[in-house]
Amino acid sequence: MLSVLKKRIITQNTARLFLKKAFLYDKVITQLIEVFIFLLKPDTLISQNGKRFFWIPNE
């Protein structure tokens, strides 16, 4: 019984760590994509406080 509880706790902790890493990687990948778009077209994308705003410059 005790070993089953230990395995459950270890499994829960592993899942929690995996979800934290996945969330972190999701944020990093999103930021990398945003930087890549900015490098391609520097006047089309402006990020402010994690929110994306598309900006069309005056021609």
N, C-alpha and C. Protein backbone atom coordinates (compact mmCIF):
# COMPACT_ATOMS: atom_id res chain seq x y z
N MET A 1 0.83 -1.20 0.00
CA MET A 1 0.00 0.00 0.00
C MET A 1 0.87 1.26 0.00
N LEU A 2 1.89 1.24 0.84
CA LEU A 2 2.75 2.42 0.94
C LEU A 2 3.53 2.65 -0.36
N SER A 3 3.99 1.55 -0.97
CA SER A 3 4.75 1.71 -2.21
C SER A 3 3.86 2.23 -3.34
N VAL A 4 2.57 1.87 -3.32
CA VAL A 4 1.64 2.37 -4.33
C VAL A 4 1.46 3.88 -4.16
N LEU A 5 1.36 4.34 -2.91
CA LEU A 5 1.23 5.78 -2.66
C LEU A 5 2.49 6.53 -3.09
N LYS A 6 3.65 5.94 -2.82
CA LYS A 6 4.90 6.58 -3.23
C LYS A 6 4.97 6.69 -4.75
N LYS A 7 4.56 5.62 -5.44
CA LYS A 7 4.57 5.65 -6.91
C LYS A 7 3.62 6.71 -7.44
N ARG A 8 2.45 6.85 -6.80
CA ARG A 8 1.50 7.87 -7.24
C ARG A 8 2.05 9.27 -7.03
N ILE A 9 2.70 9.48 -5.88
CA ILE A 9 3.28 10.80 -5.60
C ILE A 9 4.38 11.11 -6.61
N ILE A 10 5.23 10.13 -6.88
CA ILE A 10 6.31 10.33 -7.86
C ILE A 10 5.73 10.62 -9.24
N THR A 11 4.69 9.87 -9.61
CA THR A 11 4.05 10.09 -10.91
C THR A 11 3.43 11.48 -10.99
N GLN A 12 2.77 11.91 -9.93
CA GLN A 12 2.16 13.24 -9.92
C GLN A 12 3.21 14.33 -10.01
N ASN A 13 4.31 14.16 -9.27
CA ASN A 13 5.38 15.16 -9.32
C ASN A 13 6.02 15.21 -10.70
N THR A 14 6.21 14.05 -11.31
CA THR A 14 6.78 14.00 -12.65
C THR A 14 5.86 14.69 -13.65
N ALA A 15 4.57 14.41 -13.54
CA ALA A 15 3.60 15.05 -14.45
C ALA A 15 3.58 16.56 -14.24
N ARG A 16 3.66 16.99 -12.99
CA ARG A 16 3.66 18.42 -12.69
C ARG A 16 4.89 19.10 -13.29
N LEU A 17 6.05 18.48 -13.14
CA LEU A 17 7.27 19.04 -13.72
C LEU A 17 7.20 19.08 -15.25
N PHE A 18 6.63 18.02 -15.84
CA PHE A 18 6.49 17.99 -17.29
C PHE A 18 5.60 19.12 -17.77
N LEU A 19 4.49 19.35 -17.07
CA LEU A 19 3.58 20.42 -17.47
C LEU A 19 4.23 21.79 -17.33
N LYS A 20 5.02 21.98 -16.26
CA LYS A 20 5.72 23.26 -16.09
C LYS A 20 6.69 23.49 -17.24
N LYS A 21 7.45 22.44 -17.61
CA LYS A 21 8.41 22.58 -18.70
C LYS A 21 7.69 22.81 -20.03
N ALA A 22 6.59 22.11 -20.24
CA ALA A 22 5.84 22.29 -21.49
C ALA A 22 5.32 23.71 -21.59
N PHE A 23 4.82 24.26 -20.47
CA PHE A 23 4.32 25.64 -20.48
C PHE A 23 5.45 26.61 -20.77
N LEU A 24 6.62 26.38 -20.15
CA LEU A 24 7.77 27.24 -20.38
C LEU A 24 8.21 27.18 -21.84
N TYR A 25 8.31 25.96 -22.39
CA TYR A 25 8.71 25.82 -23.79
C TYR A 25 7.70 26.46 -24.72
N ASP A 26 6.42 26.37 -24.37
CA ASP A 26 5.38 26.99 -25.20
C ASP A 26 5.59 28.50 -25.26
N LYS A 27 5.91 29.11 -24.12
CA LYS A 27 6.15 30.55 -24.10
C LYS A 27 7.41 30.90 -24.90
N VAL A 28 8.46 30.10 -24.74
CA VAL A 28 9.72 30.38 -25.43
C VAL A 28 9.54 30.24 -26.94
N ILE A 29 8.87 29.18 -27.37
CA ILE A 29 8.67 28.97 -28.81
C ILE A 29 7.84 30.10 -29.40
N THR A 30 6.80 30.53 -28.68
CA THR A 30 5.98 31.64 -29.16
C THR A 30 6.82 32.90 -29.31
N GLN A 31 7.69 33.16 -28.34
CA GLN A 31 8.53 34.35 -28.43
C GLN A 31 9.54 34.24 -29.56
N LEU A 32 10.07 33.04 -29.78
CA LEU A 32 11.01 32.87 -30.89
C LEU A 32 10.34 33.09 -32.24
N ILE A 33 9.12 32.60 -32.37
CA ILE A 33 8.37 32.83 -33.62
C ILE A 33 8.12 34.31 -33.81
N GLU A 34 7.77 34.99 -32.73
CA GLU A 34 7.52 36.43 -32.81
C GLU A 34 8.78 37.19 -33.23
N VAL A 35 9.92 36.81 -32.68
CA VAL A 35 11.19 37.45 -33.04
C VAL A 35 11.52 37.18 -34.51
N PHE A 36 11.29 35.96 -34.95
CA PHE A 36 11.55 35.62 -36.35
C PHE A 36 10.69 36.46 -37.29
N ILE A 37 9.40 36.60 -36.96
CA ILE A 37 8.51 37.44 -37.77
C ILE A 37 8.99 38.89 -37.76
N PHE A 38 9.41 39.36 -36.58
CA PHE A 38 9.90 40.74 -36.48
C PHE A 38 11.14 40.95 -37.34
N LEU A 39 12.02 39.93 -37.38
CA LEU A 39 13.22 40.06 -38.20
C LEU A 39 12.87 40.08 -39.69
N LEU A 40 11.83 39.34 -40.07
CA LEU A 40 11.43 39.34 -41.47
C LEU A 40 10.75 40.64 -41.87
N LYS A 41 9.82 41.09 -41.03
CA LYS A 41 9.08 42.32 -41.31
C LYS A 41 9.03 43.15 -40.04
N PRO A 42 10.01 43.99 -39.81
CA PRO A 42 10.10 44.70 -38.53
C PRO A 42 8.97 45.67 -38.25
N ASP A 43 8.21 46.06 -39.25
CA ASP A 43 7.17 47.04 -39.00
C ASP A 43 5.77 46.43 -38.94
N THR A 44 5.66 45.11 -38.85
CA THR A 44 4.33 44.50 -38.87
C THR A 44 3.89 43.98 -37.51
N LEU A 45 4.79 43.80 -36.58
CA LEU A 45 4.42 43.17 -35.32
C LEU A 45 5.02 43.92 -34.15
N ILE A 46 4.19 44.31 -33.22
CA ILE A 46 4.66 44.96 -32.01
C ILE A 46 4.08 44.19 -30.83
N SER A 47 4.93 43.76 -29.91
CA SER A 47 4.47 43.02 -28.74
C SER A 47 4.54 43.94 -27.53
N GLN A 48 3.50 43.89 -26.72
CA GLN A 48 3.45 44.74 -25.53
C GLN A 48 2.83 43.94 -24.40
N ASN A 49 3.59 43.71 -23.35
CA ASN A 49 3.13 42.95 -22.18
C ASN A 49 2.60 41.57 -22.56
N GLY A 50 3.27 40.90 -23.49
CA GLY A 50 2.86 39.57 -23.88
C GLY A 50 1.69 39.52 -24.84
N LYS A 51 1.10 40.68 -25.16
CA LYS A 51 -0.02 40.71 -26.10
C LYS A 51 0.52 41.14 -27.45
N ARG A 52 -0.02 40.56 -28.49
CA ARG A 52 0.45 40.88 -29.83
C ARG A 52 -0.46 41.91 -30.48
N PHE A 53 0.16 42.93 -31.02
CA PHE A 53 -0.58 43.95 -31.75
C PHE A 53 0.00 44.04 -33.15
N PHE A 54 -0.85 43.98 -34.15
CA PHE A 54 -0.39 44.14 -35.51
C PHE A 54 -0.51 45.61 -35.88
N TRP A 55 0.52 46.13 -36.47
CA TRP A 55 0.59 47.55 -36.77
C TRP A 55 0.91 47.72 -38.24
N ILE A 56 0.11 48.49 -38.92
CA ILE A 56 0.34 48.79 -40.33
C ILE A 56 0.92 50.19 -40.41
N PRO A 57 2.13 50.33 -40.90
CA PRO A 57 2.76 51.66 -40.95
C PRO A 57 2.09 52.55 -41.98
N ASN A 58 2.23 53.84 -41.77
CA ASN A 58 1.72 54.81 -42.75
C ASN A 58 2.60 54.78 -43.99
N GLU A 59 1.97 54.74 -45.12
CA GLU A 59 2.75 54.68 -46.37
C GLU A 59 2.79 56.02 -47.05
